[in-house]
Protein backbone atom coordinates (compact mmCIF):
# COMPACT_ATOMS: atom_id res chain seq x y z
CA MET A 1 129.51 102.19 39.52
CA SER A 2 131.65 104.52 41.65
CA LYS A 3 135.16 103.61 42.66
CA ASP A 4 136.00 103.06 46.33
CA GLN A 5 138.06 105.72 48.06
CA THR A 6 140.46 105.28 50.95
CA TYR A 7 139.62 106.87 54.29
CA LEU A 8 141.67 107.15 57.46
CA ALA A 9 139.70 106.16 60.53
CA ILE A 10 141.30 107.61 63.66
CA ASN A 11 140.40 106.04 66.98
CA LEU A 12 139.72 108.92 69.38
CA SER A 13 138.99 106.87 72.51
CA ASP A 14 142.32 107.67 74.19
CA PHE A 15 142.02 111.32 73.15
CA HIS A 16 138.62 111.59 74.85
CA GLN A 17 139.89 109.94 78.03
CA ASN A 18 142.93 112.24 78.31
CA GLN A 19 141.41 115.69 78.01
CA ASN A 20 142.79 116.72 81.40
CA GLY A 21 145.56 118.88 79.99
CA ASN A 22 147.79 115.98 78.97
CA ALA A 23 148.75 116.59 75.35
CA LEU A 24 150.10 113.06 74.83
CA THR A 25 147.54 110.58 73.53
CA VAL A 26 147.64 107.38 71.51
CA ALA A 27 145.79 107.22 68.21
CA GLU A 28 145.06 104.04 66.30
CA ILE A 29 144.61 104.61 62.57
CA ARG A 30 142.86 102.18 60.23
CA PHE A 31 142.56 102.37 56.46
CA ILE A 32 139.04 101.84 55.14
CA ASN A 33 138.07 101.46 51.48
CA ALA A 34 134.50 102.62 50.97
CA LYS A 35 132.21 104.21 48.36
CA ASN A 36 131.87 107.38 50.46
CA VAL A 37 132.45 108.78 53.94
CA GLU A 38 129.02 107.66 55.15
CA SER A 39 129.83 104.06 54.18
CA ALA A 40 133.15 104.29 56.01
CA LYS A 41 131.39 105.58 59.14
CA ALA A 42 128.77 102.82 58.89
CA HIS A 43 131.58 100.25 58.81
CA LEU A 44 133.03 101.67 62.02
CA ARG A 45 129.62 101.77 63.74
CA GLU A 46 129.10 98.11 62.84
CA PHE A 47 132.49 96.71 63.83
CA TYR A 48 133.59 99.16 66.56
CA PRO A 49 130.34 100.41 68.14
CA ASN A 50 131.83 101.26 71.54
CA GLU A 51 134.70 103.45 70.34
CA ALA A 52 134.92 107.04 69.11
CA TRP A 53 136.32 107.48 65.58
CA GLY A 54 137.10 110.37 63.27
CA VAL A 55 137.02 109.72 59.52
CA VAL A 56 139.09 111.71 57.02
CA PRO A 57 139.57 111.09 53.29
CA LYS A 58 143.15 109.90 52.78
CA ARG A 59 143.67 112.39 49.96
CA THR A 60 142.81 115.24 52.36
CA MET A 61 145.40 113.98 54.82
CA ASP A 62 147.95 113.53 52.01
CA GLN A 63 147.42 117.13 50.87
CA ASN A 64 148.05 118.47 54.37
CA ILE A 65 151.13 116.58 55.52
CA VAL A 66 153.71 118.73 57.30
CA THR A 67 157.20 117.42 56.67
CA LYS A 68 160.34 117.68 58.72
CA ASN A 69 162.64 120.43 57.49
CA LEU A 70 166.01 118.68 57.10
CA GLU A 71 167.81 121.88 56.01
CA THR A 72 167.39 123.63 59.38
CA GLU A 73 168.48 120.50 61.24
CA CYS A 74 171.79 120.36 59.36
CA ALA A 75 172.55 124.08 59.72
């Protein structure tokens, strides 16, 4: 039996509606525990069928976080 993984589901509905050059959009993020990415996407299709979502493994997001550089702010 495989262990569930955590995925970030990012609601892209506002992003799709604001592609007129406006860089500011609102993104809802939900955490989904699932066996694999296909199961996470199936969950979203079932419970949120009328919205656009992107699904990313949480560990991928964690590995690519860009942090604020506090040293340059204090200089």
